Amino acid sequence: MNNVASILILAFLALTFLQSGYEKIFYWNDNVTWLKEHFSKTRLKNQVPLALLHLLILELISGILSVVGAIQLLLNSGREFGFYGAIFSCISLLMMLFGQRLAKDYDGARTIVIYFIPAVMAVYWLN
């Protein structure tokens, strides 16, 4: 039963991070423009494109590892890829949480916590 829950959470993480990565790739300029304004009063104001690139890379790693992890669980109950997908998901979410707190966007920070809870559950179940 734990495998079913783990697969569902990995599917959730894969969908979340691959969709987010897709949006960053195909709407890069829109994202940079919005984020420059969002972080205009923070230490990140001059680092937005580089920070966004780092986040994009981590999100793609998170999503891909989560997909591979779900497939691995289905095929042979292996947990390694899913575990690392969940770890990278947590790291990505912590980066976003840091940014939202830095920008004093507390509603945005609260929203990230909603995603962080299942990511941590996946780390726990797949460890």
N, C-alpha and C. Protein backbone atom coordinates (compact mmCIF):
# COMPACT_ATOMS: atom_id res chain seq x y z
N MET A 1 0.82 -1.20 0.00
CA MET A 1 0.00 0.00 0.00
C MET A 1 0.86 1.26 0.00
N ASN A 2 2.00 1.19 0.71
CA ASN A 2 2.90 2.33 0.76
C ASN A 2 3.42 2.69 -0.63
N ASN A 3 3.61 1.67 -1.49
CA ASN A 3 4.06 1.95 -2.85
C ASN A 3 3.04 2.78 -3.62
N VAL A 4 1.76 2.49 -3.44
CA VAL A 4 0.72 3.24 -4.15
C VAL A 4 0.76 4.71 -3.73
N ALA A 5 0.82 4.96 -2.43
CA ALA A 5 0.88 6.34 -1.94
C ALA A 5 2.15 7.03 -2.44
N SER A 6 3.26 6.31 -2.42
CA SER A 6 4.52 6.89 -2.90
C SER A 6 4.46 7.22 -4.38
N ILE A 7 3.86 6.34 -5.15
CA ILE A 7 3.71 6.58 -6.60
C ILE A 7 2.83 7.80 -6.84
N LEU A 8 1.75 7.92 -6.08
CA LEU A 8 0.86 9.08 -6.24
C LEU A 8 1.58 10.38 -5.89
N ILE A 9 2.34 10.38 -4.82
CA ILE A 9 3.08 11.59 -4.45
C ILE A 9 4.16 11.90 -5.48
N LEU A 10 4.85 10.87 -5.97
CA LEU A 10 5.86 11.12 -7.00
C LEU A 10 5.21 11.66 -8.28
N ALA A 11 4.02 11.18 -8.62
CA ALA A 11 3.31 11.72 -9.78
C ALA A 11 2.96 13.19 -9.54
N PHE A 12 2.53 13.50 -8.32
CA PHE A 12 2.23 14.89 -7.95
C PHE A 12 3.47 15.76 -8.08
N LEU A 13 4.61 15.30 -7.56
CA LEU A 13 5.85 16.07 -7.64
C LEU A 13 6.31 16.21 -9.09
N ALA A 14 6.21 15.14 -9.86
CA ALA A 14 6.62 15.19 -11.27
C ALA A 14 5.78 16.21 -12.02
N LEU A 15 4.48 16.15 -11.83
CA LEU A 15 3.58 17.09 -12.51
C LEU A 15 3.88 18.52 -12.09
N THR A 16 4.06 18.73 -10.81
CA THR A 16 4.33 20.07 -10.28
C THR A 16 5.60 20.65 -10.88
N PHE A 17 6.68 19.90 -10.83
CA PHE A 17 7.97 20.46 -11.22
C PHE A 17 8.20 20.45 -12.73
N LEU A 18 7.68 19.47 -13.44
CA LEU A 18 7.83 19.49 -14.90
C LEU A 18 6.98 20.60 -15.51
N GLN A 19 5.78 20.81 -14.98
CA GLN A 19 4.94 21.91 -15.47
C GLN A 19 5.59 23.26 -15.16
N SER A 20 6.13 23.39 -13.96
CA SER A 20 6.79 24.64 -13.58
C SER A 20 8.02 24.89 -14.46
N GLY A 21 8.79 23.83 -14.70
CA GLY A 21 9.95 23.95 -15.59
C GLY A 21 9.55 24.34 -17.00
N TYR A 22 8.50 23.71 -17.49
CA TYR A 22 7.98 24.05 -18.81
C TYR A 22 7.64 25.53 -18.91
N GLU A 23 6.91 26.03 -17.90
CA GLU A 23 6.52 27.44 -17.90
C GLU A 23 7.74 28.36 -17.83
N LYS A 24 8.74 27.98 -17.08
CA LYS A 24 9.94 28.81 -17.00
C LYS A 24 10.68 28.84 -18.35
N ILE A 25 10.74 27.71 -19.01
CA ILE A 25 11.45 27.63 -20.30
C ILE A 25 10.71 28.43 -21.37
N PHE A 26 9.41 28.21 -21.49
CA PHE A 26 8.65 28.80 -22.59
C PHE A 26 8.14 30.21 -22.32
N TYR A 27 8.20 30.64 -21.06
CA TYR A 27 7.79 32.00 -20.70
C TYR A 27 8.88 32.67 -19.87
N TRP A 28 10.12 32.42 -20.27
CA TRP A 28 11.28 32.90 -19.53
C TRP A 28 11.23 34.41 -19.28
N ASN A 29 11.06 35.18 -20.33
CA ASN A 29 11.07 36.65 -20.20
C ASN A 29 9.96 37.15 -19.28
N ASP A 30 8.77 36.57 -19.41
CA ASP A 30 7.67 36.97 -18.52
C ASP A 30 8.02 36.68 -17.07
N ASN A 31 8.61 35.51 -16.83
CA ASN A 31 8.99 35.14 -15.47
C ASN A 31 10.06 36.08 -14.92
N VAL A 32 11.07 36.36 -15.72
CA VAL A 32 12.15 37.25 -15.26
C VAL A 32 11.59 38.63 -14.94
N THR A 33 10.75 39.15 -15.81
CA THR A 33 10.15 40.48 -15.58
C THR A 33 9.36 40.51 -14.29
N TRP A 34 8.50 39.51 -14.08
CA TRP A 34 7.68 39.46 -12.87
C TRP A 34 8.56 39.31 -11.62
N LEU A 35 9.55 38.42 -11.70
CA LEU A 35 10.41 38.17 -10.54
C LEU A 35 11.32 39.35 -10.21
N LYS A 36 11.75 40.09 -11.22
CA LYS A 36 12.56 41.28 -10.94
C LYS A 36 11.76 42.28 -10.12
N GLU A 37 10.50 42.43 -10.45
CA GLU A 37 9.63 43.31 -9.66
C GLU A 37 9.40 42.72 -8.26
N HIS A 38 9.14 41.43 -8.22
CA HIS A 38 8.86 40.74 -6.96
C HIS A 38 10.03 40.87 -5.98
N PHE A 39 11.25 40.80 -6.50
CA PHE A 39 12.45 40.86 -5.65
C PHE A 39 13.16 42.20 -5.70
N SER A 40 12.48 43.24 -6.17
CA SER A 40 13.12 44.55 -6.37
C SER A 40 13.66 45.17 -5.09
N LYS A 41 13.12 44.80 -3.95
CA LYS A 41 13.58 45.37 -2.69
C LYS A 41 14.37 44.38 -1.85
N THR A 42 14.97 43.40 -2.52
CA THR A 42 15.71 42.37 -1.80
C THR A 42 17.14 42.27 -2.33
N ARG A 43 17.91 41.43 -1.66
CA ARG A 43 19.29 41.18 -2.10
C ARG A 43 19.35 40.45 -3.44
N LEU A 44 18.26 39.82 -3.83
CA LEU A 44 18.24 39.05 -5.08
C LEU A 44 17.92 39.88 -6.32
N LYS A 45 17.66 41.17 -6.14
CA LYS A 45 17.18 41.99 -7.25
C LYS A 45 18.08 41.93 -8.48
N ASN A 46 19.38 41.80 -8.32
CA ASN A 46 20.30 41.75 -9.47
C ASN A 46 20.66 40.32 -9.88
N GLN A 47 20.13 39.34 -9.18
CA GLN A 47 20.46 37.94 -9.46
C GLN A 47 19.27 37.14 -9.99
N VAL A 48 18.20 37.79 -10.35
CA VAL A 48 16.98 37.07 -10.72
C VAL A 48 17.19 36.06 -11.85
N PRO A 49 17.78 36.43 -13.00
CA PRO A 49 17.92 35.43 -14.06
C PRO A 49 18.77 34.22 -13.63
N LEU A 50 19.85 34.46 -12.91
CA LEU A 50 20.70 33.35 -12.47
C LEU A 50 19.97 32.48 -11.45
N ALA A 51 19.28 33.10 -10.51
CA ALA A 51 18.52 32.34 -9.51
C ALA A 51 17.42 31.53 -10.18
N LEU A 52 16.76 32.13 -11.17
CA LEU A 52 15.70 31.43 -11.89
C LEU A 52 16.27 30.24 -12.67
N LEU A 53 17.43 30.41 -13.26
CA LEU A 53 18.08 29.30 -13.98
C LEU A 53 18.41 28.16 -13.02
N HIS A 54 18.96 28.49 -11.85
CA HIS A 54 19.26 27.45 -10.85
C HIS A 54 17.99 26.71 -10.43
N LEU A 55 16.93 27.47 -10.19
CA LEU A 55 15.67 26.85 -9.80
C LEU A 55 15.11 25.98 -10.92
N LEU A 56 15.19 26.46 -12.15
CA LEU A 56 14.73 25.68 -13.30
C LEU A 56 15.46 24.34 -13.37
N ILE A 57 16.76 24.36 -13.23
CA ILE A 57 17.55 23.11 -13.29
C ILE A 57 17.12 22.16 -12.18
N LEU A 58 16.98 22.67 -10.96
CA LEU A 58 16.56 21.82 -9.84
C LEU A 58 15.14 21.28 -10.04
N GLU A 59 14.26 22.10 -10.59
CA GLU A 59 12.90 21.64 -10.84
C GLU A 59 12.87 20.52 -11.89
N LEU A 60 13.65 20.68 -12.94
CA LEU A 60 13.69 19.63 -13.97
C LEU A 60 14.29 18.34 -13.40
N ILE A 61 15.33 18.45 -12.61
CA ILE A 61 15.90 17.27 -11.96
C ILE A 61 14.86 16.62 -11.06
N SER A 62 14.15 17.43 -10.28
CA SER A 62 13.11 16.93 -9.37
C SER A 62 12.04 16.17 -10.15
N GLY A 63 11.55 16.79 -11.20
CA GLY A 63 10.47 16.19 -11.99
C GLY A 63 10.89 14.91 -12.68
N ILE A 64 12.07 14.93 -13.29
CA ILE A 64 12.54 13.74 -14.01
C ILE A 64 12.80 12.59 -13.05
N LEU A 65 13.48 12.88 -11.93
CA LEU A 65 13.73 11.82 -10.94
C LEU A 65 12.42 11.28 -10.37
N SER A 66 11.42 12.13 -10.21
CA SER A 66 10.13 11.67 -9.69
C SER A 66 9.43 10.75 -10.69
N VAL A 67 9.49 11.08 -11.98
CA VAL A 67 8.91 10.20 -13.01
C VAL A 67 9.63 8.86 -13.01
N VAL A 68 10.95 8.90 -13.05
CA VAL A 68 11.73 7.66 -13.08
C VAL A 68 11.49 6.86 -11.80
N GLY A 69 11.37 7.57 -10.67
CA GLY A 69 11.12 6.90 -9.40
C GLY A 69 9.77 6.20 -9.37
N ALA A 70 8.75 6.84 -9.91
CA ALA A 70 7.42 6.20 -9.96
C ALA A 70 7.46 4.96 -10.84
N ILE A 71 8.14 5.06 -11.97
CA ILE A 71 8.28 3.90 -12.87
C ILE A 71 9.05 2.78 -12.17
N GLN A 72 10.13 3.16 -11.48
CA GLN A 72 10.94 2.17 -10.77
C GLN A 72 10.10 1.46 -9.69
N LEU A 73 9.30 2.22 -8.96
CA LEU A 73 8.43 1.60 -7.94
C LEU A 73 7.43 0.64 -8.58
N LEU A 74 6.89 1.02 -9.72
CA LEU A 74 5.93 0.16 -10.41
C LEU A 74 6.57 -1.13 -10.90
N LEU A 75 7.78 -1.02 -11.42
CA LEU A 75 8.42 -2.19 -12.04
C LEU A 75 9.07 -3.14 -11.05
N ASN A 76 9.79 -2.59 -10.08
CA ASN A 76 10.53 -3.50 -9.20
C ASN A 76 10.59 -3.04 -7.74
N SER A 77 9.74 -2.14 -7.36
CA SER A 77 9.68 -1.60 -5.99
C SER A 77 10.97 -0.91 -5.55
N GLY A 78 11.81 -0.53 -6.51
CA GLY A 78 13.01 0.22 -6.18
C GLY A 78 12.65 1.63 -5.74
N ARG A 79 13.42 2.16 -4.81
CA ARG A 79 13.07 3.45 -4.22
C ARG A 79 14.10 4.56 -4.45
N GLU A 80 15.23 4.22 -5.02
CA GLU A 80 16.33 5.19 -5.09
C GLU A 80 15.97 6.45 -5.87
N PHE A 81 15.46 6.29 -7.08
CA PHE A 81 15.18 7.47 -7.91
C PHE A 81 14.07 8.33 -7.31
N GLY A 82 13.04 7.68 -6.79
CA GLY A 82 11.96 8.42 -6.15
C GLY A 82 12.45 9.18 -4.93
N PHE A 83 13.30 8.53 -4.14
CA PHE A 83 13.86 9.17 -2.96
C PHE A 83 14.62 10.44 -3.35
N TYR A 84 15.48 10.33 -4.35
CA TYR A 84 16.24 11.51 -4.78
C TYR A 84 15.35 12.55 -5.45
N GLY A 85 14.30 12.10 -6.14
CA GLY A 85 13.32 13.05 -6.68
C GLY A 85 12.65 13.84 -5.58
N ALA A 86 12.31 13.17 -4.49
CA ALA A 86 11.69 13.85 -3.35
C ALA A 86 12.67 14.78 -2.66
N ILE A 87 13.93 14.36 -2.53
CA ILE A 87 14.96 15.22 -1.92
C ILE A 87 15.13 16.49 -2.75
N PHE A 88 15.30 16.34 -4.06
CA PHE A 88 15.48 17.52 -4.93
C PHE A 88 14.22 18.39 -4.92
N SER A 89 13.05 17.78 -4.81
CA SER A 89 11.81 18.55 -4.70
C SER A 89 11.84 19.41 -3.44
N CYS A 90 12.25 18.81 -2.33
CA CYS A 90 12.34 19.57 -1.07
C CYS A 90 13.33 20.71 -1.18
N ILE A 91 14.47 20.46 -1.81
CA ILE A 91 15.47 21.52 -1.98
C ILE A 91 14.90 22.65 -2.83
N SER A 92 14.22 22.30 -3.92
CA SER A 92 13.60 23.32 -4.79
C SER A 92 12.58 24.14 -4.00
N LEU A 93 11.76 23.47 -3.23
CA LEU A 93 10.73 24.16 -2.46
C LEU A 93 11.34 25.04 -1.37
N LEU A 94 12.41 24.58 -0.75
CA LEU A 94 13.08 25.40 0.25
C LEU A 94 13.69 26.65 -0.38
N MET A 95 14.23 26.51 -1.59
CA MET A 95 14.74 27.69 -2.30
C MET A 95 13.61 28.69 -2.56
N MET A 96 12.46 28.17 -3.00
CA MET A 96 11.33 29.06 -3.26
C MET A 96 10.82 29.69 -1.96
N LEU A 97 10.77 28.91 -0.89
CA LEU A 97 10.34 29.43 0.39
C LEU A 97 11.26 30.55 0.86
N PHE A 98 12.56 30.34 0.72
CA PHE A 98 13.53 31.38 1.08
C PHE A 98 13.25 32.67 0.29
N GLY A 99 13.03 32.52 -1.01
CA GLY A 99 12.75 33.69 -1.85
C GLY A 99 11.48 34.41 -1.44
N GLN A 100 10.44 33.65 -1.17
CA GLN A 100 9.17 34.28 -0.78
C GLN A 100 9.30 35.00 0.56
N ARG A 101 10.00 34.39 1.49
CA ARG A 101 10.20 35.04 2.80
C ARG A 101 11.07 36.28 2.65
N LEU A 102 12.09 36.19 1.79
CA LEU A 102 12.96 37.34 1.54
C LEU A 102 12.17 38.50 0.95
N ALA A 103 11.25 38.18 0.05
CA ALA A 103 10.42 39.20 -0.59
C ALA A 103 9.25 39.63 0.29
N LYS A 104 9.16 39.03 1.46
CA LYS A 104 8.07 39.31 2.41
C LYS A 104 6.70 38.98 1.82
N ASP A 105 6.67 37.95 0.96
CA ASP A 105 5.42 37.45 0.39
C ASP A 105 4.99 36.25 1.24
N TYR A 106 4.35 36.54 2.35
CA TYR A 106 4.02 35.50 3.31
C TYR A 106 2.90 34.58 2.83
N ASP A 107 1.99 35.10 2.01
CA ASP A 107 0.96 34.24 1.42
C ASP A 107 1.60 33.25 0.45
N GLY A 108 2.55 33.72 -0.34
CA GLY A 108 3.27 32.84 -1.25
C GLY A 108 4.07 31.78 -0.49
N ALA A 109 4.66 32.19 0.62
CA ALA A 109 5.42 31.24 1.45
C ALA A 109 4.50 30.17 2.01
N ARG A 110 3.31 30.56 2.45
CA ARG A 110 2.35 29.58 2.98
C ARG A 110 1.95 28.58 1.90
N THR A 111 1.80 29.04 0.69
CA THR A 111 1.43 28.15 -0.41
C THR A 111 2.51 27.10 -0.64
N ILE A 112 3.76 27.48 -0.53
CA ILE A 112 4.86 26.54 -0.75
C ILE A 112 4.83 25.43 0.29
N VAL A 113 4.42 25.75 1.50
CA VAL A 113 4.34 24.74 2.56
C VAL A 113 3.39 23.63 2.16
N ILE A 114 2.32 23.96 1.44
CA ILE A 114 1.35 22.96 0.99
C ILE A 114 2.04 21.93 0.08
N TYR A 115 2.98 22.36 -0.73
CA TYR A 115 3.73 21.45 -1.60
C TYR A 115 4.83 20.72 -0.83
N PHE A 116 5.36 21.38 0.19
CA PHE A 116 6.48 20.81 0.94
C PHE A 116 6.05 19.59 1.75
N ILE A 117 4.85 19.60 2.28
CA ILE A 117 4.38 18.49 3.12
C ILE A 117 4.40 17.15 2.37
N PRO A 118 3.78 17.04 1.19
CA PRO A 118 3.88 15.74 0.50
C PRO A 118 5.30 15.40 0.05
N ALA A 119 6.12 16.41 -0.26
CA ALA A 119 7.50 16.12 -0.64
C ALA A 119 8.27 15.49 0.53
N VAL A 120 8.07 16.01 1.72
CA VAL A 120 8.72 15.44 2.91
C VAL A 120 8.15 14.05 3.20
N MET A 121 6.85 13.87 3.00
CA MET A 121 6.26 12.53 3.17
C MET A 121 6.92 11.53 2.23
N ALA A 122 7.17 11.95 1.00
CA ALA A 122 7.82 11.05 0.05
C ALA A 122 9.24 10.72 0.50
N VAL A 123 9.96 11.71 1.01
CA VAL A 123 11.32 11.44 1.52
C VAL A 123 11.23 10.39 2.63
N TYR A 124 10.30 10.56 3.53
CA TYR A 124 10.16 9.65 4.66
C TYR A 124 9.80 8.24 4.18
N TRP A 125 8.79 8.13 3.30
CA TRP A 125 8.34 6.81 2.84
C TRP A 125 9.36 6.10 1.98
N LEU A 126 10.13 6.85 1.22
CA LEU A 126 11.06 6.23 0.28
C LEU A 126 12.46 6.03 0.85
N ASN A 127 12.69 6.50 2.06
CA ASN A 127 14.00 6.36 2.70
C ASN A 127 14.21 4.92 3.12
